[in-house]
Amino acid sequence: MKYIIRTCILLVLPIWNLYSQRPVILTEDARTLGAGHIESGIGIEYYKKSQAPANDFPQSQIRLLVSSTHIGVAENVDLDLDWRGRLLARFEHGEEGSDWGDLMIASKINLITEREITPSIGIRSAVKLPNTSYLPYRLGSDQTDYYLHLLISKMIQNVNLSLNVGLGILGNPGAAGSQDDSYIYSAAATVPIGDRFQSFAEVFGFTGYFENDHKLIMRFGTSMELQGLQWNLYGSVRAVGDNRDFATAFESSENWSVALFIKKDFQI
């Protein structure tokens, strides 16, 4: 745990924005940032399994320099860049491994603006560029993955509700030409607490054709504005599914996780 503390406070960019919060909130808001608006941030995440499924699977992982930059390229279009940073893994008998994380490039389009009785509706498509290796540490998949989601959001009084449903096409590192088609779903509620705080609760899950595809995690977090930055503390607990991953390590297979992410918004 010492190297977690030594590297925990690595600061860079965000302020307070409700509409684009990855990696803090995995459920995307259907609204977009607006033209010329940029949101960027950096953080650290820690994932833990009570027991690895096998000796050659990591039991814990630290993600250093986890970063995201979301850009409003038009009033209803966002471009998102999300990177998992430096991956440090520890195995059951004390062995360690490391690699660089994958980069996700996504575009989000708001199709229908929220009205008094109707929600905001959008779509988001994303491609994972395979930077993380599958062997020897099983931290990544060496595969290009594709995701497509329908996004629905609605503000009810002061509570922001979002729902995502979609499909993921995931390459299989264990068999050439094989893929896993996963159905992905999530829902989140965000509530402001006073002028400087907000909290969220979220469920995120997926199911597919493979034996270990059925996962559901519950995620919680809180945010605070301080000196022009948004400080986010969040974590997860696995509610359904086992601790074995299909390909990339810690894709909702953790028993629990905790993270700190610091963000800033600015206009160009």
Protein backbone atom coordinates (compact mmCIF):
# COMPACT_ATOMS: atom_id res chain seq x y z
CA MET A 1 0.00 0.00 0.00
CA LYS A 2 2.97 2.37 0.38
CA TYR A 3 3.28 2.99 -3.34
CA ILE A 4 -0.45 3.75 -3.48
CA ILE A 5 0.03 6.60 -1.03
CA ARG A 6 3.22 7.90 -2.66
CA THR A 7 1.50 8.31 -6.02
CA CYS A 8 -2.03 9.16 -4.89
CA ILE A 9 -2.02 12.93 -5.34
CA LEU A 10 -1.09 13.51 -8.97
CA LEU A 11 -2.92 16.62 -10.00
CA VAL A 12 -4.04 18.06 -13.26
CA LEU A 13 -7.16 19.47 -14.77
CA PRO A 14 -11.64 19.94 -13.88
CA ILE A 15 -14.67 22.06 -12.10
CA TRP A 16 -18.23 20.90 -11.71
CA ASN A 17 -20.07 19.36 -14.64
CA LEU A 18 -23.03 17.06 -14.49
CA TYR A 19 -23.09 15.81 -18.05
CA SER A 20 -19.80 14.03 -18.68
CA GLN A 21 -18.25 12.29 -15.70
CA ARG A 22 -16.28 9.24 -16.78
CA PRO A 23 -14.51 7.50 -15.15
CA VAL A 24 -16.29 8.70 -11.99
CA ILE A 25 -19.75 7.73 -13.26
CA LEU A 26 -19.84 5.02 -15.92
CA THR A 27 -23.45 5.80 -16.92
CA GLU A 28 -23.26 8.51 -19.56
CA ASP A 29 -25.60 11.50 -19.50
CA ALA A 30 -27.47 12.02 -22.76
CA ARG A 31 -26.72 15.75 -22.63
CA THR A 32 -23.52 17.11 -24.12
CA LEU A 33 -21.03 19.70 -22.87
CA GLY A 34 -21.68 22.36 -25.50
CA ALA A 35 -19.39 23.79 -28.16
CA GLY A 36 -15.99 24.89 -26.92
CA HIS A 37 -16.38 23.36 -23.47
CA ILE A 38 -13.60 21.02 -22.27
CA GLU A 39 -13.56 18.79 -19.21
CA SER A 40 -10.34 17.08 -18.21
CA GLY A 41 -9.03 15.19 -15.20
CA ILE A 42 -6.62 12.72 -13.70
CA GLY A 43 -6.72 10.24 -10.84
CA ILE A 44 -5.86 6.92 -9.26
CA GLU A 45 -7.96 3.76 -8.88
CA TYR A 46 -7.47 0.62 -6.78
CA TYR A 47 -9.23 -2.71 -7.49
CA LYS A 48 -9.23 -5.76 -5.24
CA LYS A 49 -10.39 -9.38 -5.42
CA SER A 50 -10.66 -11.44 -2.24
CA GLN A 51 -9.17 -14.34 -4.20
CA ALA A 52 -7.84 -14.55 -7.76
CA PRO A 53 -9.47 -17.23 -9.96
CA ALA A 54 -6.01 -18.71 -10.68
CA ASN A 55 -2.38 -18.00 -9.82
CA ASP A 56 -1.71 -16.27 -13.14
CA PHE A 57 -4.61 -13.80 -12.70
CA PRO A 58 -4.00 -10.57 -10.75
CA GLN A 59 -5.54 -10.26 -7.30
CA SER A 60 -5.27 -6.48 -7.12
CA GLN A 61 -4.57 -3.63 -9.50
CA ILE A 62 -3.63 0.04 -9.20
CA ARG A 63 -4.34 2.37 -12.12
CA LEU A 64 -2.07 5.41 -11.94
CA LEU A 65 -2.61 8.54 -14.04
CA VAL A 66 -6.10 7.47 -15.05
CA SER A 67 -7.13 10.38 -17.25
CA SER A 68 -9.96 11.68 -19.38
CA THR A 69 -10.50 14.63 -21.69
CA HIS A 70 -14.00 15.35 -23.00
CA ILE A 71 -14.42 18.04 -25.64
CA GLY A 72 -17.61 19.72 -26.81
CA VAL A 73 -16.94 19.91 -30.55
CA ALA A 74 -20.48 21.16 -31.29
CA GLU A 75 -23.54 22.07 -29.27
CA ASN A 76 -24.80 18.48 -29.44
CA VAL A 77 -21.59 16.51 -30.07
CA ASP A 78 -18.82 15.49 -27.66
CA LEU A 79 -15.49 13.79 -28.33
CA ASP A 80 -14.23 11.71 -25.38
CA LEU A 81 -10.72 10.39 -24.72
CA ASP A 82 -10.39 8.07 -21.70
CA TRP A 83 -7.11 6.39 -20.75
CA ARG A 84 -6.52 3.86 -17.98
CA GLY A 85 -3.00 5.05 -17.28
CA ARG A 86 -0.25 2.90 -15.80
CA LEU A 87 -1.41 -0.51 -14.55
CA LEU A 88 0.33 -2.07 -11.54
CA ALA A 89 -0.86 -5.58 -10.67
CA ARG A 90 -0.15 -7.84 -7.72
CA PHE A 91 -0.68 -11.59 -7.80
CA GLU A 92 -1.70 -14.04 -5.09
CA HIS A 93 1.83 -15.10 -4.07
CA GLY A 94 3.35 -11.60 -4.13
CA GLU A 95 4.46 -11.43 -7.77
CA GLU A 96 3.99 -8.11 -9.53
CA GLY A 97 3.37 -7.06 -13.12
CA SER A 98 2.75 -3.81 -14.99
CA ASP A 99 1.62 -2.46 -18.35
CA TRP A 100 0.18 0.66 -19.96
CA GLY A 101 -3.61 0.96 -20.10
CA ASP A 102 -5.93 1.00 -23.08
CA LEU A 103 -7.23 4.21 -24.69
CA MET A 104 -10.96 4.61 -25.36
CA ILE A 105 -12.09 7.06 -28.06
CA ALA A 106 -15.80 7.87 -28.13
CA SER A 107 -18.28 10.26 -29.70
CA LYS A 108 -21.58 11.26 -28.11
CA ILE A 109 -24.47 12.87 -29.98
CA ASN A 110 -27.49 14.40 -28.30
CA LEU A 111 -30.48 13.63 -30.53
CA ILE A 112 -33.39 14.99 -28.48
CA THR A 113 -33.19 17.89 -26.02
CA GLU A 114 -34.86 17.45 -22.65
CA ARG A 115 -38.31 19.02 -22.32
CA GLU A 116 -40.64 19.44 -19.39
CA ILE A 117 -42.10 15.94 -19.67
CA THR A 118 -39.71 14.21 -22.09
CA PRO A 119 -36.13 13.08 -21.42
CA SER A 120 -32.94 13.92 -23.23
CA ILE A 121 -31.93 11.13 -25.64
CA GLY A 122 -28.55 10.49 -27.25
CA ILE A 123 -26.23 7.84 -28.62
CA ARG A 124 -22.59 7.10 -27.86
CA SER A 125 -20.19 4.97 -29.87
CA ALA A 126 -16.73 4.05 -28.60
CA VAL A 127 -13.66 2.13 -29.75
CA LYS A 128 -11.04 0.69 -27.42
CA LEU A 129 -7.54 0.84 -28.87
CA PRO A 130 -5.58 -2.23 -27.69
CA ASN A 131 -2.53 -0.94 -25.86
CA THR A 132 -2.56 -3.43 -22.95
CA SER A 133 -1.14 -6.92 -23.52
CA TYR A 134 -2.93 -10.13 -22.58
CA LEU A 135 0.25 -12.03 -21.77
CA PRO A 136 2.09 -12.47 -19.51
CA TYR A 137 -0.02 -10.69 -16.86
CA ARG A 138 -3.55 -10.89 -18.35
CA LEU A 139 -4.09 -7.17 -17.81
CA GLY A 140 -5.50 -6.46 -21.28
CA SER A 141 -6.85 -8.25 -24.31
CA ASP A 142 -4.66 -7.16 -27.27
CA GLN A 143 -7.99 -6.69 -29.06
CA THR A 144 -9.93 -3.76 -30.51
CA ASP A 145 -13.39 -3.56 -28.92
CA TYR A 146 -16.47 -1.60 -30.04
CA TYR A 147 -19.36 -0.24 -27.97
CA LEU A 148 -22.67 1.40 -28.89
CA HIS A 149 -25.11 2.82 -26.33
CA LEU A 150 -28.50 4.48 -26.22
CA LEU A 151 -28.52 7.23 -23.57
CA ILE A 152 -31.57 8.57 -21.74
CA SER A 153 -31.46 11.31 -19.08
CA LYS A 154 -34.06 13.30 -17.16
CA MET A 155 -33.87 15.88 -14.39
CA ILE A 156 -36.63 15.36 -11.81
CA GLN A 157 -36.62 18.23 -9.33
CA ASN A 158 -32.94 18.30 -8.28
CA VAL A 159 -32.17 14.64 -9.05
CA ASN A 160 -30.50 13.78 -12.36
CA LEU A 161 -31.40 10.29 -13.63
CA SER A 162 -29.63 8.50 -16.48
CA LEU A 163 -30.13 5.14 -18.16
CA ASN A 164 -27.80 3.46 -20.69
CA VAL A 165 -28.43 0.30 -22.71
CA GLY A 166 -26.06 -0.99 -25.35
CA LEU A 167 -23.91 -3.59 -26.99
CA GLY A 168 -20.22 -4.40 -26.73
CA ILE A 169 -18.32 -6.41 -29.35
CA LEU A 170 -15.21 -7.71 -27.59
CA GLY A 171 -12.28 -9.53 -29.17
CA ASN A 172 -11.23 -12.82 -27.59
CA PRO A 173 -7.46 -13.02 -26.87
CA GLY A 174 -7.74 -16.76 -26.24
CA ALA A 175 -9.04 -17.73 -29.69
CA ALA A 176 -8.23 -16.14 -33.05
CA GLY A 177 -11.29 -14.83 -34.87
CA SER A 178 -13.52 -15.24 -31.81
CA GLN A 179 -15.52 -12.48 -30.14
CA ASP A 180 -17.90 -11.95 -27.25
CA ASP A 181 -21.10 -9.98 -27.82
CA SER A 182 -22.11 -8.42 -24.51
CA TYR A 183 -25.31 -6.59 -23.63
CA ILE A 184 -24.49 -3.69 -21.32
CA TYR A 185 -26.85 -1.75 -19.06
CA SER A 186 -26.47 0.88 -16.35
CA ALA A 187 -28.44 3.46 -14.41
CA ALA A 188 -27.32 6.34 -12.20
CA ALA A 189 -28.83 8.99 -9.95
CA THR A 190 -26.94 12.18 -9.04
CA VAL A 191 -28.09 14.45 -6.21
CA PRO A 192 -26.60 17.82 -5.15
CA ILE A 193 -25.90 18.32 -1.44
CA GLY A 194 -25.70 22.02 -0.69
CA ASP A 195 -23.71 24.32 -2.95
CA ARG A 196 -20.41 22.43 -3.11
CA PHE A 197 -21.19 18.72 -2.86
CA GLN A 198 -22.99 16.10 -4.90
CA SER A 199 -23.36 12.35 -4.52
CA PHE A 200 -24.25 9.56 -6.90
CA ALA A 201 -25.40 5.94 -6.82
CA GLU A 202 -25.13 3.67 -9.83
CA VAL A 203 -25.63 0.11 -11.02
CA PHE A 204 -23.57 -1.18 -13.95
CA GLY A 205 -23.80 -4.63 -15.49
CA PHE A 206 -23.49 -6.76 -18.57
CA THR A 207 -24.37 -10.21 -19.81
CA GLY A 208 -23.27 -12.28 -22.79
CA TYR A 209 -22.73 -15.76 -24.19
CA PHE A 210 -19.69 -16.81 -22.16
CA GLU A 211 -19.84 -18.44 -18.74
CA ASN A 212 -18.21 -15.54 -16.89
CA ASP A 213 -20.07 -12.76 -18.68
CA HIS A 214 -22.78 -12.10 -16.12
CA LYS A 215 -21.67 -9.23 -13.87
CA LEU A 216 -23.35 -6.48 -11.86
CA ILE A 217 -21.59 -3.90 -9.70
CA MET A 218 -22.93 -1.17 -7.46
CA ARG A 219 -21.02 2.11 -7.45
CA PHE A 220 -21.21 5.08 -5.09
CA GLY A 221 -19.38 8.37 -4.86
CA THR A 222 -19.30 11.96 -3.74
CA SER A 223 -17.80 15.13 -5.22
CA MET A 224 -16.67 18.42 -3.77
CA GLU A 225 -15.67 21.74 -5.32
CA LEU A 226 -12.49 23.19 -3.88
CA GLN A 227 -10.30 25.98 -5.31
CA GLY A 228 -11.57 25.60 -8.87
CA LEU A 229 -11.25 21.82 -8.92
CA GLN A 230 -13.75 19.02 -8.53
CA TRP A 231 -12.53 16.30 -6.15
CA ASN A 232 -14.26 12.95 -6.66
CA LEU A 233 -14.08 10.01 -4.26
CA TYR A 234 -15.88 6.87 -5.44
CA GLY A 235 -15.86 3.09 -5.28
CA SER A 236 -17.63 -0.11 -6.25
CA VAL A 237 -18.87 -3.40 -4.81
CA ARG A 238 -19.64 -6.45 -6.97
CA ALA A 239 -23.19 -7.68 -6.38
CA VAL A 240 -23.57 -10.40 -9.05
CA GLY A 241 -21.06 -12.56 -10.91
CA ASP A 242 -17.73 -14.23 -10.25
CA ASN A 243 -14.16 -12.91 -10.12
CA ARG A 244 -13.02 -14.23 -13.51
CA ASP A 245 -12.63 -11.86 -16.47
CA PHE A 246 -13.31 -12.62 -20.10
CA ALA A 247 -10.21 -10.77 -21.29
CA THR A 248 -9.17 -7.44 -19.73
CA ALA A 249 -8.46 -7.57 -15.99
CA PHE A 250 -10.98 -6.09 -13.55
CA GLU A 251 -13.89 -5.57 -15.91
CA SER A 252 -16.50 -5.53 -13.11
CA SER A 253 -14.88 -8.60 -11.54
CA GLU A 254 -13.49 -6.82 -8.47
CA ASN A 255 -14.93 -7.51 -5.03
CA TRP A 256 -14.47 -3.81 -4.33
CA SER A 257 -12.66 -0.74 -5.54
CA VAL A 258 -11.90 2.79 -4.39
CA ALA A 259 -10.68 5.79 -6.39
CA LEU A 260 -9.80 9.48 -6.34
CA PHE A 261 -10.26 11.65 -9.44
CA ILE A 262 -9.63 15.39 -9.83
CA LYS A 263 -11.24 17.37 -12.63
CA LYS A 264 -11.45 20.86 -14.09
CA ASP A 265 -13.73 22.46 -16.67
CA PHE A 266 -12.82 25.32 -18.95
CA GLN A 267 -14.14 27.13 -22.01
CA ILE A 268 -12.25 27.88 -25.23
